[in-house]
């Protein structure tokens, strides 16, 4: 089964890309904290190591439109989707491998009172 569930905050405000056929897509990174105790987290920070991961999320269609309309940098978001891997050859002739999450469901988790103040409606 290829299913992933993530909760985190957007690193940037998403932008919508619309194709000639009318379909649209948005991509954004989600800052997802690693499961660490307080001590482990402080230890990693002091060593200059990451305490979060930043998976790339791809959202299609009406859901992409809603993400661009209601989400912005820092918005707490839940994503359920599937892992997709791809590869391509870059200009130097090296193979580049990418792993992304194609969202099937995106849920806006910011409280209604906070989102209205920020211009985001859950």
PDB file of N, CA and C in Angstrom:
ATOM      1  N   UNK A   1       0.849  -1.175   0.000  1.00  0.00           N
ATOM      2  CA  UNK A   1       0.000   0.000   0.000  1.00  0.00           C
ATOM      3  C   UNK A   1       0.896   1.240   0.000  1.00  0.00           C
ATOM      4  N   UNK A   2       0.620   2.154  -0.877  1.00  0.00           N
ATOM      5  CA  UNK A   2       1.390   3.386  -0.996  1.00  0.00           C
ATOM      6  C   UNK A   2       0.525   4.529  -0.477  1.00  0.00           C
ATOM      7  N   UNK A   3       0.628   4.815   0.824  1.00  0.00           N
ATOM      8  CA  UNK A   3      -0.141   5.894   1.423  1.00  0.00           C
ATOM      9  C   UNK A   3       0.698   6.555   2.501  1.00  0.00           C
ATOM     10  N   UNK A   4       0.673   7.887   2.498  1.00  0.00           N
ATOM     11  CA  UNK A   4       1.428   8.649   3.478  1.00  0.00           C
ATOM     12  C   UNK A   4       0.508   9.708   4.079  1.00  0.00           C
ATOM     13  N   UNK A   5       0.702   9.987   5.366  1.00  0.00           N
ATOM     14  CA  UNK A   5      -0.067  11.002   6.059  1.00  0.00           C
ATOM     15  C   UNK A   5       0.911  11.915   6.789  1.00  0.00           C
ATOM     16  N   UNK A   6       0.842  13.212   6.513  1.00  0.00           N
ATOM     17  CA  UNK A   6       1.774  14.182   7.077  1.00  0.00           C
ATOM     18  C   UNK A   6       1.028  15.359   7.675  1.00  0.00           C
ATOM     19  N   UNK A   7       1.603  15.947   8.718  1.00  0.00           N
ATOM     20  CA  UNK A   7       1.096  17.184   9.287  1.00  0.00           C
ATOM     21  C   UNK A   7       2.285  18.108   9.470  1.00  0.00           C
ATOM     22  N   UNK A   8       2.150  19.331   8.982  1.00  0.00           N
ATOM     23  CA  UNK A   8       3.234  20.288   9.119  1.00  0.00           C
ATOM     24  C   UNK A   8       2.800  21.666   8.685  1.00  0.00           C
ATOM     25  N   UNK A   9       3.793  22.547   8.567  1.00  0.00           N
ATOM     26  CA  UNK A   9       3.527  23.933   8.169  1.00  0.00           C
ATOM     27  C   UNK A   9       4.142  24.211   6.798  1.00  0.00           C
ATOM     28  N   UNK A  10       3.432  24.985   5.986  1.00  0.00           N
ATOM     29  CA  UNK A  10       3.938  25.358   4.664  1.00  0.00           C
ATOM     30  C   UNK A  10       5.174  26.242   4.811  1.00  0.00           C
ATOM     31  N   UNK A  11       6.181  25.979   3.972  1.00  0.00           N
ATOM     32  CA  UNK A  11       7.404  26.783   4.019  1.00  0.00           C
ATOM     33  C   UNK A  11       7.283  28.042   3.171  1.00  0.00           C
ATOM     34  N   UNK A  12       6.385  28.039   2.189  1.00  0.00           N
ATOM     35  CA  UNK A  12       6.123  29.198   1.331  1.00  0.00           C
ATOM     36  C   UNK A  12       4.650  29.219   0.954  1.00  0.00           C
ATOM     37  N   UNK A  13       4.149  30.373   0.575  1.00  0.00           N
ATOM     38  CA  UNK A  13       2.775  30.488   0.092  1.00  0.00           C
ATOM     39  C   UNK A  13       2.683  29.814  -1.276  1.00  0.00           C
ATOM     40  N   UNK A  14       1.730  28.879  -1.462  1.00  0.00           N
ATOM     41  CA  UNK A  14       1.635  28.175  -2.751  1.00  0.00           C
ATOM     42  C   UNK A  14       1.156  29.085  -3.881  1.00  0.00           C
ATOM     43  N   UNK A  15       1.608  28.766  -5.090  1.00  0.00           N
ATOM     44  CA  UNK A  15       1.185  29.493  -6.294  1.00  0.00           C
ATOM     45  C   UNK A  15       0.543  28.507  -7.263  1.00  0.00           C
ATOM     46  N   UNK A  16      -0.512  28.957  -7.925  1.00  0.00           N
ATOM     47  CA  UNK A  16      -1.271  28.105  -8.836  1.00  0.00           C
ATOM     48  C   UNK A  16      -0.707  28.186 -10.244  1.00  0.00           C
ATOM     49  N   UNK A  17      -0.579  27.040 -10.893  1.00  0.00           N
ATOM     50  CA  UNK A  17      -0.198  26.977 -12.297  1.00  0.00           C
ATOM     51  C   UNK A  17      -1.372  26.343 -13.040  1.00  0.00           C
ATOM     52  N   UNK A  18      -1.877  27.044 -14.058  1.00  0.00           N
ATOM     53  CA  UNK A  18      -3.012  26.554 -14.840  1.00  0.00           C
ATOM     54  C   UNK A  18      -2.535  26.195 -16.237  1.00  0.00           C
ATOM     55  N   UNK A  19      -2.930  25.021 -16.709  1.00  0.00           N
ATOM     56  CA  UNK A  19      -2.548  24.540 -18.028  1.00  0.00           C
ATOM     57  C   UNK A  19      -3.602  24.933 -19.054  1.00  0.00           C
ATOM     58  N   UNK A  20      -3.264  24.812 -20.347  1.00  0.00           N
ATOM     59  CA  UNK A  20      -4.184  25.182 -21.418  1.00  0.00           C
ATOM     60  C   UNK A  20      -5.469  24.367 -21.385  1.00  0.00           C
ATOM     61  N   UNK A  21      -5.389  23.134 -20.908  1.00  0.00           N
ATOM     62  CA  UNK A  21      -6.588  22.292 -20.853  1.00  0.00           C
ATOM     63  C   UNK A  21      -7.489  22.630 -19.666  1.00  0.00           C
ATOM     64  N   UNK A  22      -7.092  23.627 -18.850  1.00  0.00           N
ATOM     65  CA  UNK A  22      -7.902  24.042 -17.714  1.00  0.00           C
ATOM     66  C   UNK A  22      -7.522  23.385 -16.405  1.00  0.00           C
ATOM     67  N   UNK A  23      -6.716  22.320 -16.463  1.00  0.00           N
ATOM     68  CA  UNK A  23      -6.273  21.657 -15.246  1.00  0.00           C
ATOM     69  C   UNK A  23      -5.271  22.555 -14.528  1.00  0.00           C
ATOM     70  N   UNK A  24      -5.205  22.452 -13.211  1.00  0.00           N
ATOM     71  CA  UNK A  24      -4.263  23.286 -12.470  1.00  0.00           C
ATOM     72  C   UNK A  24      -3.550  22.463 -11.405  1.00  0.00           C
ATOM     73  N   UNK A  25      -2.403  22.991 -10.978  1.00  0.00           N
ATOM     74  CA  UNK A  25      -1.552  22.298 -10.013  1.00  0.00           C
ATOM     75  C   UNK A  25      -0.857  23.323  -9.141  1.00  0.00           C
ATOM     76  N   UNK A  26      -0.535  22.930  -7.932  1.00  0.00           N
ATOM     77  CA  UNK A  26       0.339  23.719  -7.081  1.00  0.00           C
ATOM     78  C   UNK A  26       1.301  22.760  -6.398  1.00  0.00           C
ATOM     79  N   UNK A  27       2.466  23.284  -6.066  1.00  0.00           N
ATOM     80  CA  UNK A  27       3.480  22.501  -5.356  1.00  0.00           C
ATOM     81  C   UNK A  27       3.975  23.338  -4.187  1.00  0.00           C
ATOM     82  N   UNK A  28       4.193  22.679  -3.063  1.00  0.00           N
ATOM     83  CA  UNK A  28       4.753  23.366  -1.906  1.00  0.00           C
ATOM     84  C   UNK A  28       5.488  22.357  -1.032  1.00  0.00           C
ATOM     85  N   UNK A  29       6.349  22.885  -0.181  1.00  0.00           N
ATOM     86  CA  UNK A  29       7.040  22.034   0.783  1.00  0.00           C
ATOM     87  C   UNK A  29       6.358  22.180   2.133  1.00  0.00           C
ATOM     88  N   UNK A  30       6.331  21.077   2.859  1.00  0.00           N
ATOM     89  CA  UNK A  30       5.712  21.034   4.177  1.00  0.00           C
ATOM     90  C   UNK A  30       6.808  20.752   5.196  1.00  0.00           C
ATOM     91  N   UNK A  31       6.961  21.601   6.200  1.00  0.00           N
ATOM     92  CA  UNK A  31       7.929  21.376   7.273  1.00  0.00           C
ATOM     93  C   UNK A  31       7.286  20.429   8.284  1.00  0.00           C
ATOM     94  N   UNK A  32       7.803  19.197   8.334  1.00  0.00           N
ATOM     95  CA  UNK A  32       7.253  18.159   9.198  1.00  0.00           C
ATOM     96  C   UNK A  32       8.283  17.831  10.267  1.00  0.00           C
ATOM     97  N   UNK A  33       7.951  18.134  11.535  1.00  0.00           N
ATOM     98  CA  UNK A  33       8.880  17.845  12.627  1.00  0.00           C
ATOM     99  C   UNK A  33       9.107  16.349  12.753  1.00  0.00           C
ATOM    100  N   UNK A  34      10.350  15.988  13.031  1.00  0.00           N
ATOM    101  CA  UNK A  34      10.669  14.589  13.321  1.00  0.00           C
ATOM    102  C   UNK A  34      10.219  14.271  14.739  1.00  0.00           C
ATOM    103  N   UNK A  35       9.887  13.005  14.968  1.00  0.00           N
ATOM    104  CA  UNK A  35       9.442  12.579  16.292  1.00  0.00           C
ATOM    105  C   UNK A  35      10.667  12.443  17.185  1.00  0.00           C
ATOM    106  N   UNK A  36      10.942  13.472  17.979  1.00  0.00           N
ATOM    107  CA  UNK A  36      12.093  13.490  18.881  1.00  0.00           C
ATOM    108  C   UNK A  36      11.653  13.989  20.248  1.00  0.00           C
ATOM    109  N   UNK A  37      12.315  13.495  21.295  1.00  0.00           N
ATOM    110  CA  UNK A  37      12.055  14.040  22.630  1.00  0.00           C
ATOM    111  C   UNK A  37      12.662  15.434  22.701  1.00  0.00           C
ATOM    112  N   UNK A  38      12.306  16.187  23.715  1.00  0.00           N
ATOM    113  CA  UNK A  38      12.848  17.533  23.888  1.00  0.00           C
ATOM    114  C   UNK A  38      14.365  17.527  23.969  1.00  0.00           C
ATOM    115  N   UNK A  39      14.910  16.550  24.691  1.00  0.00           N
ATOM    116  CA  UNK A  39      16.365  16.437  24.840  1.00  0.00           C
ATOM    117  C   UNK A  39      17.008  16.120  23.492  1.00  0.00           C
ATOM    118  N   UNK A  40      16.435  15.161  22.763  1.00  0.00           N
ATOM    119  CA  UNK A  40      16.979  14.792  21.445  1.00  0.00           C
ATOM    120  C   UNK A  40      16.927  15.968  20.479  1.00  0.00           C
ATOM    121  N   UNK A  41      15.836  16.731  20.536  1.00  0.00           N
ATOM    122  CA  UNK A  41      15.672  17.870  19.642  1.00  0.00           C
ATOM    123  C   UNK A  41      16.737  18.934  19.929  1.00  0.00           C
ATOM    124  N   UNK A  42      16.948  19.240  21.195  1.00  0.00           N
ATOM    125  CA  UNK A  42      17.966  20.229  21.574  1.00  0.00           C
ATOM    126  C   UNK A  42      19.367  19.745  21.195  1.00  0.00           C
ATOM    127  N   UNK A  43      19.605  18.451  21.369  1.00  0.00           N
ATOM    128  CA  UNK A  43      20.905  17.858  21.016  1.00  0.00           C
ATOM    129  C   UNK A  43      21.173  18.008  19.516  1.00  0.00           C
ATOM    130  N   UNK A  44      20.172  17.691  18.708  1.00  0.00           N
ATOM    131  CA  UNK A  44      20.307  17.812  17.249  1.00  0.00           C
ATOM    132  C   UNK A  44      20.543  19.265  16.847  1.00  0.00           C
ATOM    133  N   UNK A  45      19.778  20.184  17.460  1.00  0.00           N
ATOM    134  CA  UNK A  45      19.938  21.605  17.149  1.00  0.00           C
ATOM    135  C   UNK A  45      21.344  22.081  17.484  1.00  0.00           C
ATOM    136  N   UNK A  46      21.863  21.675  18.642  1.00  0.00           N
ATOM    137  CA  UNK A  46      23.205  22.105  19.047  1.00  0.00           C
ATOM    138  C   UNK A  46      24.286  21.537  18.124  1.00  0.00           C
ATOM    139  N   UNK A  47      24.009  20.384  17.509  1.00  0.00           N
ATOM    140  CA  UNK A  47      24.943  19.769  16.560  1.00  0.00           C
ATOM    141  C   UNK A  47      24.755  20.325  15.151  1.00  0.00           C
ATOM    142  N   UNK A  48      23.760  21.193  14.966  1.00  0.00           N
ATOM    143  CA  UNK A  48      23.487  21.761  13.650  1.00  0.00           C
ATOM    144  C   UNK A  48      22.784  20.788  12.717  1.00  0.00           C
ATOM    145  N   UNK A  49      22.127  19.777  13.288  1.00  0.00           N
ATOM    146  CA  UNK A  49      21.416  18.785  12.480  1.00  0.00           C
ATOM    147  C   UNK A  49      19.933  19.121  12.395  1.00  0.00           C
ATOM    148  N   UNK A  50      19.300  18.642  11.343  1.00  0.00           N
ATOM    149  CA  UNK A  50      17.885  18.931  11.092  1.00  0.00           C
ATOM    150  C   UNK A  50      16.983  18.227  12.102  1.00  0.00           C
ATOM    151  N   UNK A  51      15.919  18.915  12.495  1.00  0.00           N
ATOM    152  CA  UNK A  51      14.900  18.319  13.366  1.00  0.00           C
ATOM    153  C   UNK A  51      13.561  18.208  12.634  1.00  0.00           C
ATOM    154  N   UNK A  52      13.583  18.512  11.344  1.00  0.00           N
ATOM    155  CA  UNK A  52      12.367  18.435  10.525  1.00  0.00           C
ATOM    156  C   UNK A  52      12.742  17.954   9.124  1.00  0.00           C
ATOM    157  N   UNK A  53      11.747  17.448   8.417  1.00  0.00           N
ATOM    158  CA  UNK A  53      11.897  17.073   7.012  1.00  0.00           C
ATOM    159  C   UNK A  53      10.997  18.002   6.199  1.00  0.00           C
ATOM    160  N   UNK A  54      11.312  18.153   4.901  1.00  0.00           N
ATOM    161  CA  UNK A  54      10.604  19.102   4.050  1.00  0.00           C
ATOM    162  C   UNK A  54      10.156  18.451   2.746  1.00  0.00           C
ATOM    163  N   UNK A  55       9.208  17.503   2.821  1.00  0.00           N
ATOM    164  CA  UNK A  55       8.757  16.843   1.588  1.00  0.00           C
ATOM    165  C   UNK A  55       8.026  17.800   0.655  1.00  0.00           C
ATOM    166  N   UNK A  56       8.189  17.553  -0.647  1.00  0.00           N
ATOM    167  CA  UNK A  56       7.511  18.329  -1.696  1.00  0.00           C
ATOM    168  C   UNK A  56       6.134  17.722  -1.891  1.00  0.00           C
ATOM    169  N   UNK A  57       5.099  18.565  -1.856  1.00  0.00           N
ATOM    170  CA  UNK A  57       3.710  18.141  -2.007  1.00  0.00           C
ATOM    171  C   UNK A  57       3.186  18.676  -3.336  1.00  0.00           C
ATOM    172  N   UNK A  58       2.486  17.823  -4.093  1.00  0.00           N
ATOM    173  CA  UNK A  58       1.861  18.220  -5.352  1.00  0.00           C
ATOM    174  C   UNK A  58       0.350  18.050  -5.191  1.00  0.00           C
ATOM    175  N   UNK A  59      -0.404  19.102  -5.535  1.00  0.00           N
ATOM    176  CA  UNK A  59      -1.860  19.070  -5.404  1.00  0.00           C
ATOM    177  C   UNK A  59      -2.464  19.478  -6.745  1.00  0.00           C
ATOM    178  N   UNK A  60      -3.460  18.714  -7.220  1.00  0.00           N
ATOM    179  CA  UNK A  60      -4.079  18.949  -8.530  1.00  0.00           C
ATOM    180  C   UNK A  60      -5.522  19.418  -8.394  1.00  0.00           C
ATOM    181  N   UNK A  61      -6.019  20.064  -9.439  1.00  0.00           N
ATOM    182  CA  UNK A  61      -7.436  20.383  -9.600  1.00  0.00           C
ATOM    183  C   UNK A  61      -7.982  21.421  -8.642  1.00  0.00           C
ATOM    184  N   UNK A  62      -9.260  21.240  -8.292  1.00  0.00           N
ATOM    185  CA  UNK A  62      -9.964  22.180  -7.415  1.00  0.00           C
ATOM    186  C   UNK A  62      -9.264  22.285  -6.061  1.00  0.00           C
ATOM    187  N   UNK A  63      -8.721  21.177  -5.597  1.00  0.00           N
ATOM    188  CA  UNK A  63      -8.005  21.175  -4.322  1.00  0.00           C
ATOM    189  C   UNK A  63      -6.783  22.095  -4.382  1.00  0.00           C
ATOM    190  N   UNK A  64      -6.106  22.129  -5.533  1.00  0.00           N
ATOM    191  CA  UNK A  64      -4.960  23.031  -5.722  1.00  0.00           C
ATOM    192  C   UNK A  64      -5.427  24.481  -5.662  1.00  0.00           C
ATOM    193  N   UNK A  65      -6.560  24.778  -6.289  1.00  0.00           N
ATOM    194  CA  UNK A  65      -7.112  26.132  -6.261  1.00  0.00           C
ATOM    195  C   UNK A  65      -7.403  26.558  -4.820  1.00  0.00           C
ATOM    196  N   UNK A  66      -8.011  25.658  -4.040  1.00  0.00           N
ATOM    197  CA  UNK A  66      -8.335  25.973  -2.650  1.00  0.00           C
ATOM    198  C   UNK A  66      -7.075  26.185  -1.814  1.00  0.00           C
ATOM    199  N   UNK A  67      -6.055  25.384  -2.064  1.00  0.00           N
ATOM    200  CA  UNK A  67      -4.786  25.550  -1.338  1.00  0.00           C
ATOM    201  C   UNK A  67      -4.210  26.939  -1.593  1.00  0.00           C
ATOM    202  N   UNK A  68      -4.225  27.356  -2.843  1.00  0.00           N
ATOM    203  CA  UNK A  68      -3.669  28.667  -3.185  1.00  0.00           C
ATOM    204  C   UNK A  68      -4.536  29.805  -2.651  1.00  0.00           C
ATOM    205  N   UNK A  69      -5.816  29.547  -2.540  1.00  0.00           N
ATOM    206  CA  UNK A  69      -6.737  30.578  -2.067  1.00  0.00           C
ATOM    207  C   UNK A  69      -6.667  30.752  -0.546  1.00  0.00           C
ATOM    208  N   UNK A  70      -6.506  29.640   0.183  1.00  0.00           N
ATOM    209  CA  UNK A  70      -6.647  29.693   1.633  1.00  0.00           C
ATOM    210  C   UNK A  70      -5.379  29.431   2.445  1.00  0.00           C
ATOM    211  N   UNK A  71      -4.332  28.915   1.834  1.00  0.00           N
ATOM    212  CA  UNK A  71      -3.112  28.624   2.580  1.00  0.00           C
ATOM    213  C   UNK A  71      -2.035  29.657   2.295  1.00  0.00           C
ATOM    214  N   UNK A  72      -1.155  29.839   3.254  1.00  0.00           N
ATOM    215  CA  UNK A  72      -0.005  30.707   3.053  1.00  0.00           C
ATOM    216  C   UNK A  72       1.151  30.183   3.897  1.00  0.00           C
ATOM    217  N   UNK A  73       2.280  30.789   3.749  1.00  0.00           N
ATOM    218  CA  UNK A  73       3.462  30.386   4.501  1.00  0.00           C
ATOM    219  C   UNK A  73       3.112  30.300   5.985  1.00  0.00           C
ATOM    220  N   UNK A  74       3.465  29.166   6.602  1.00  0.00           N
ATOM    221  CA  UNK A  74       3.219  28.970   8.025  1.00  0.00           C
ATOM    222  C   UNK A  74       1.921  28.288   8.361  1.00  0.00           C
ATOM    223  N   UNK A  75       1.022  28.112   7.388  1.00  0.00           N
ATOM    224  CA  UNK A  75      -0.266  27.463   7.655  1.00  0.00           C
ATOM    225  C   UNK A  75      -0.057  26.005   8.060  1.00  0.00           C
ATOM    226  N   UNK A  76      -0.711  25.603   9.156  1.00  0.00           N
ATOM    227  CA  UNK A  76      -0.674  24.212   9.601  1.00  0.00           C
ATOM    228  C   UNK A  76      -1.616  23.410   8.709  1.00  0.00           C
ATOM    229  N   UNK A  77      -1.099  22.314   8.141  1.00  0.00           N
ATOM    230  CA  UNK A  77      -1.828  21.564   7.122  1.00  0.00           C
ATOM    231  C   UNK A  77      -1.610  20.068   7.285  1.00  0.00           C
ATOM    232  N   UNK A  78      -2.639  19.295   6.998  1.00  0.00           N
ATOM    233  CA  UNK A  78      -2.549  17.839   6.966  1.00  0.00           C
ATOM    234  C   UNK A  78      -2.678  17.392   5.513  1.00  0.00           C
ATOM    235  N   UNK A  79      -1.813  16.467   5.116  1.00  0.00           N
ATOM    236  CA  UNK A  79      -1.831  15.953   3.747  1.00  0.00           C
ATOM    237  C   UNK A  79      -1.871  14.429   3.797  1.00  0.00           C
ATOM    238  N   UNK A  80      -2.787  13.850   3.050  1.00  0.00           N
ATOM    239  CA  UNK A  80      -2.828  12.403   2.844  1.00  0.00           C
ATOM    240  C   UNK A  80      -2.639  12.175   1.356  1.00  0.00           C
ATOM    241  N   UNK A  81      -1.713  11.300   1.007  1.00  0.00           N
ATOM    242  CA  UNK A  81      -1.449  11.067  -0.407  1.00  0.00           C
ATOM    243  C   UNK A  81      -0.589   9.852  -0.628  1.00  0.00           C
ATOM    244  N   UNK A  82       0.110   9.854  -1.764  1.00  0.00           N
ATOM    245  CA  UNK A  82       0.951   8.714  -2.126  1.00  0.00           C
ATOM    246  C   UNK A  82       2.328   9.205  -2.553  1.00  0.00           C
ATOM    247  N   UNK A  83       3.313   8.363  -2.352  1.00  0.00           N
ATOM    248  CA  UNK A  83       4.696   8.681  -2.719  1.00  0.00           C
ATOM    249  C   UNK A  83       4.901   8.392  -4.199  1.00  0.00           C
ATOM    250  N   UNK A  84       5.526   9.339  -4.892  1.00  0.00           N
ATOM    251  CA  UNK A  84       5.842   9.179  -6.309  1.00  0.00           C
ATOM    252  C   UNK A  84       7.321   9.492  -6.489  1.00  0.00           C
ATOM    253  N   UNK A  85       8.026   8.621  -7.196  1.00  0.00           N
ATOM    254  CA  UNK A  85       9.433   8.874  -7.492  1.00  0.00           C
ATOM    255  C   UNK A  85       9.593   9.041  -8.997  1.00  0.00           C
ATOM    256  N   UNK A  86      10.527   9.909  -9.372  1.00  0.00           N
ATOM    257  CA  UNK A  86      10.800  10.136 -10.793  1.00  0.00           C
ATOM    258  C   UNK A  86      12.275  10.458 -10.945  1.00  0.00           C
ATOM    259  N   UNK A  87      12.720  10.449 -12.184  1.00  0.00           N
ATOM    260  CA  UNK A  87      14.120  10.783 -12.444  1.00  0.00           C
ATOM    261  C   UNK A  87      14.221  11.475 -13.793  1.00  0.00           C
ATOM    262  N   UNK A  88      15.284  12.250 -13.936  1.00  0.00           N
ATOM    263  CA  UNK A  88      15.574  12.904 -15.214  1.00  0.00           C
ATOM    264  C   UNK A  88      17.064  13.153 -15.302  1.00  0.00           C
ATOM    265  N   UNK A  89      17.529  13.391 -16.499  1.00  0.00           N
ATOM    266  CA  UNK A  89      18.944  13.687 -16.714  1.00  0.00           C
ATOM    267  C   UNK A  89      19.113  15.203 -16.779  1.00  0.00           C
ATOM    268  N   UNK A  90      19.986  15.741 -15.925  1.00  0.00           N
ATOM    269  CA  UNK A  90      20.192  17.193 -15.916  1.00  0.00           C
ATOM    270  C   UNK A  90      21.150  17.614 -17.027  1.00  0.00           C
ATOM    271  N   UNK A  91      21.436  18.913 -17.122  1.00  0.00           N
ATOM    272  CA  UNK A  91      22.284  19.461 -18.195  1.00  0.00           C
ATOM    273  C   UNK A  91      23.697  18.906 -18.184  1.00  0.00           C
ATOM    274  N   UNK A  92      24.164  18.467 -17.010  1.00  0.00           N
ATOM    275  CA  UNK A  92      25.518  17.906 -16.896  1.00  0.00           C
ATOM    276  C   UNK A  92      25.552  16.416 -17.225  1.00  0.00           C
ATOM    277  N   UNK A  93      24.404  15.828 -17.536  1.00  0.00           N
ATOM    278  CA  UNK A  93      24.338  14.413 -17.873  1.00  0.00           C
ATOM    279  C   UNK A  93      24.170  13.498 -16.673  1.00  0.00           C
ATOM    280  N   UNK A  94      23.970  14.063 -15.494  1.00  0.00           N
ATOM    281  CA  UNK A  94      23.774  13.272 -14.279  1.00  0.00           C
ATOM    282  C   UNK A  94      22.294  12.955 -14.095  1.00  0.00           C
ATOM    283  N   UNK A  95      22.009  11.777 -13.573  1.00  0.00           N
ATOM    284  CA  UNK A  95      20.631  11.409 -13.264  1.00  0.00           C
ATOM    285  C   UNK A  95      20.242  12.060 -11.935  1.00  0.00           C
ATOM    286  N   UNK A  96      19.087  12.708 -11.921  1.00  0.00           N
ATOM    287  CA  UNK A  96      18.555  13.335 -10.718  1.00  0.00           C
ATOM    288  C   UNK A  96      17.285  12.573 -10.340  1.00  0.00           C
ATOM    289  N   UNK A  97      17.222  12.126  -9.097  1.00  0.00           N
ATOM    290  CA  UNK A  97      16.068  11.375  -8.613  1.00  0.00           C
ATOM    291  C   UNK A  97      15.269  12.248  -7.653  1.00  0.00           C
ATOM    292  N   UNK A  98      13.951  12.222  -7.805  1.00  0.00           N
ATOM    293  CA  UNK A  98      13.073  13.038  -6.959  1.00  0.00           C
ATOM    294  C   UNK A  98      12.004  12.151  -6.330  1.00  0.00           C
ATOM    295  N   UNK A  99      11.692  12.454  -5.080  1.00  0.00           N
ATOM    296  CA  UNK A  99      10.592  11.802  -4.383  1.00  0.00           C
ATOM    297  C   UNK A  99       9.631  12.892  -3.944  1.00  0.00           C
ATOM    298  N   UNK A 100       8.371  12.749  -4.312  1.00  0.00           N
ATOM    299  CA  UNK A 100       7.358  13.744  -3.996  1.00  0.00           C
ATOM    300  C   UNK A 100       6.112  13.048  -3.472  1.00  0.00           C
ATOM    301  N   UNK A 101       5.237  13.829  -2.859  1.00  0.00           N
ATOM    302  CA  UNK A 101       3.962  13.324  -2.366  1.00  0.00           C
ATOM    303  C   UNK A 101       2.853  13.934  -3.217  1.00  0.00           C
ATOM    304  N   UNK A 102       2.059  13.087  -3.866  1.00  0.00           N
ATOM    305  CA  UNK A 102       0.885  13.562  -4.604  1.00  0.00           C
ATOM    306  C   UNK A 102      -0.292  13.505  -3.632  1.00  0.00           C
ATOM    307  N   UNK A 103      -0.820  14.674  -3.311  1.00  0.00           N
ATOM    308  CA  UNK A 103      -1.883  14.773  -2.306  1.00  0.00           C
ATOM    309  C   UNK A 103      -3.215  14.292  -2.859  1.00  0.00           C
ATOM    310  N   UNK A 104      -3.887  13.479  -2.074  1.00  0.00           N
ATOM    311  CA  UNK A 104      -5.249  13.073  -2.383  1.00  0.00           C
ATOM    312  C   UNK A 104      -6.244  13.863  -1.536  1.00  0.00           C
ATOM    313  N   UNK A 105      -5.799  14.237  -0.314  1.00  0.00           N
ATOM    314  CA  UNK A 105      -6.616  15.078   0.572  1.00  0.00           C
ATOM    315  C   UNK A 105      -5.712  16.082   1.268  1.00  0.00           C
ATOM    316  N   UNK A 106      -6.157  17.317   1.317  1.00  0.00           N
ATOM    317  CA  UNK A 106      -5.453  18.371   2.043  1.00  0.00           C
ATOM    318  C   UNK A 106      -6.446  18.977   3.014  1.00  0.00           C
ATOM    319  N   UNK A 107      -6.048  19.038   4.274  1.00  0.00           N
ATOM    320  CA  UNK A 107      -6.933  19.601   5.294  1.00  0.00           C
ATOM    321  C   UNK A 107      -6.240  20.788   5.949  1.00  0.00           C
ATOM    322  N   UNK A 108      -6.951  21.913   6.052  1.00  0.00           N
ATOM    323  CA  UNK A 108      -6.414  23.127   6.657  1.00  0.00           C
ATOM    324  C   UNK A 108      -6.650  23.044   8.161  1.00  0.00           C
ATOM    325  N   UNK A 109      -5.588  23.103   8.959  1.00  0.00           N
ATOM    326  CA  UNK A 109      -5.697  22.845  10.392  1.00  0.00           C
ATOM    327  C   UNK A 109      -5.644  24.081  11.273  1.00  0.00           C
ATOM    328  N   UNK A 110      -5.407  25.249  10.721  1.00  0.00           N
ATOM    329  CA  UNK A 110      -5.380  26.457  11.546  1.00  0.00           C
ATOM    330  C   UNK A 110      -6.770  26.717  12.110  1.00  0.00           C
ATOM    331  N   UNK A 111      -6.848  27.134  13.385  1.00  0.00           N
ATOM    332  CA  UNK A 111      -8.161  27.448  13.971  1.00  0.00           C
ATOM    333  C   UNK A 111      -8.864  28.551  13.178  1.00  0.00           C
ATOM    334  N   UNK A 112     -10.179  28.505  13.155  1.00  0.00           N
ATOM    335  CA  UNK A 112     -10.963  29.455  12.369  1.00  0.00           C
ATOM    336  C   UNK A 112     -10.658  30.884  12.793  1.00  0.00           C
ATOM    337  N   UNK A 113     -10.568  31.157  14.088  1.00  0.00           N
ATOM    338  CA  UNK A 113     -10.318  32.532  14.541  1.00  0.00           C
ATOM    339  C   UNK A 113      -8.959  33.028  14.052  1.00  0.00           C
ATOM    340  N   UNK A 114      -7.942  32.176  14.073  1.00  0.00           N
ATOM    341  CA  UNK A 114      -6.614  32.571  13.600  1.00  0.00           C
ATOM    342  C   UNK A 114      -6.583  32.734  12.091  1.00  0.00           C
ATOM    343  N   UNK A 115      -7.287  31.862  11.363  1.00  0.00           N
ATOM    344  CA  UNK A 115      -7.228  31.918   9.914  1.00  0.00           C
ATOM    345  C   UNK A 115      -7.940  33.145   9.375  1.00  0.00           C
ATOM    346  N   UNK A 116      -9.006  33.570  10.024  1.00  0.00           N
ATOM    347  CA  UNK A 116      -9.704  34.778   9.566  1.00  0.00           C
ATOM    348  C   UNK A 116      -8.796  35.996   9.734  1.00  0.00           C
ATOM    349  N   UNK A 117      -8.056  36.049  10.851  1.00  0.00           N
ATOM    350  CA  UNK A 117      -7.142  37.161  11.073  1.00  0.00           C
ATOM    351  C   UNK A 117      -6.020  37.160  10.043  1.00  0.00           C
ATOM    352  N   UNK A 118      -5.608  35.980   9.619  1.00  0.00           N
ATOM    353  CA  UNK A 118      -4.511  35.848   8.674  1.00  0.00           C
ATOM    354  C   UNK A 118      -5.001  35.861   7.231  1.00  0.00           C
ATOM    355  N   UNK A 119      -6.311  35.916   7.032  1.00  0.00           N
ATOM    356  CA  UNK A 119      -6.852  35.896   5.681  1.00  0.00           C
ATOM    357  C   UNK A 119      -7.000  34.481   5.154  1.00  0.00           C
ATOM    358  N   UNK A 120      -7.021  33.482   6.036  1.00  0.00           N
ATOM    359  CA  UNK A 120      -7.151  32.084   5.632  1.00  0.00           C
ATOM    360  C   UNK A 120      -8.409  31.508   6.253  1.00  0.00           C
ATOM    361  N   UNK A 121      -9.213  30.855   5.453  1.00  0.00           N
ATOM    362  CA  UNK A 121     -10.441  30.241   5.961  1.00  0.00           C
ATOM    363  C   UNK A 121     -10.269  28.743   5.902  1.00  0.00           C
ATOM    364  N   UNK A 122     -10.513  28.061   7.023  1.00  0.00           N
ATOM    365  CA  UNK A 122     -10.341  26.603   7.074  1.00  0.00           C
ATOM    366  C   UNK A 122     -11.540  25.901   6.493  1.00  0.00           C
TER     367      UNK A 122
END
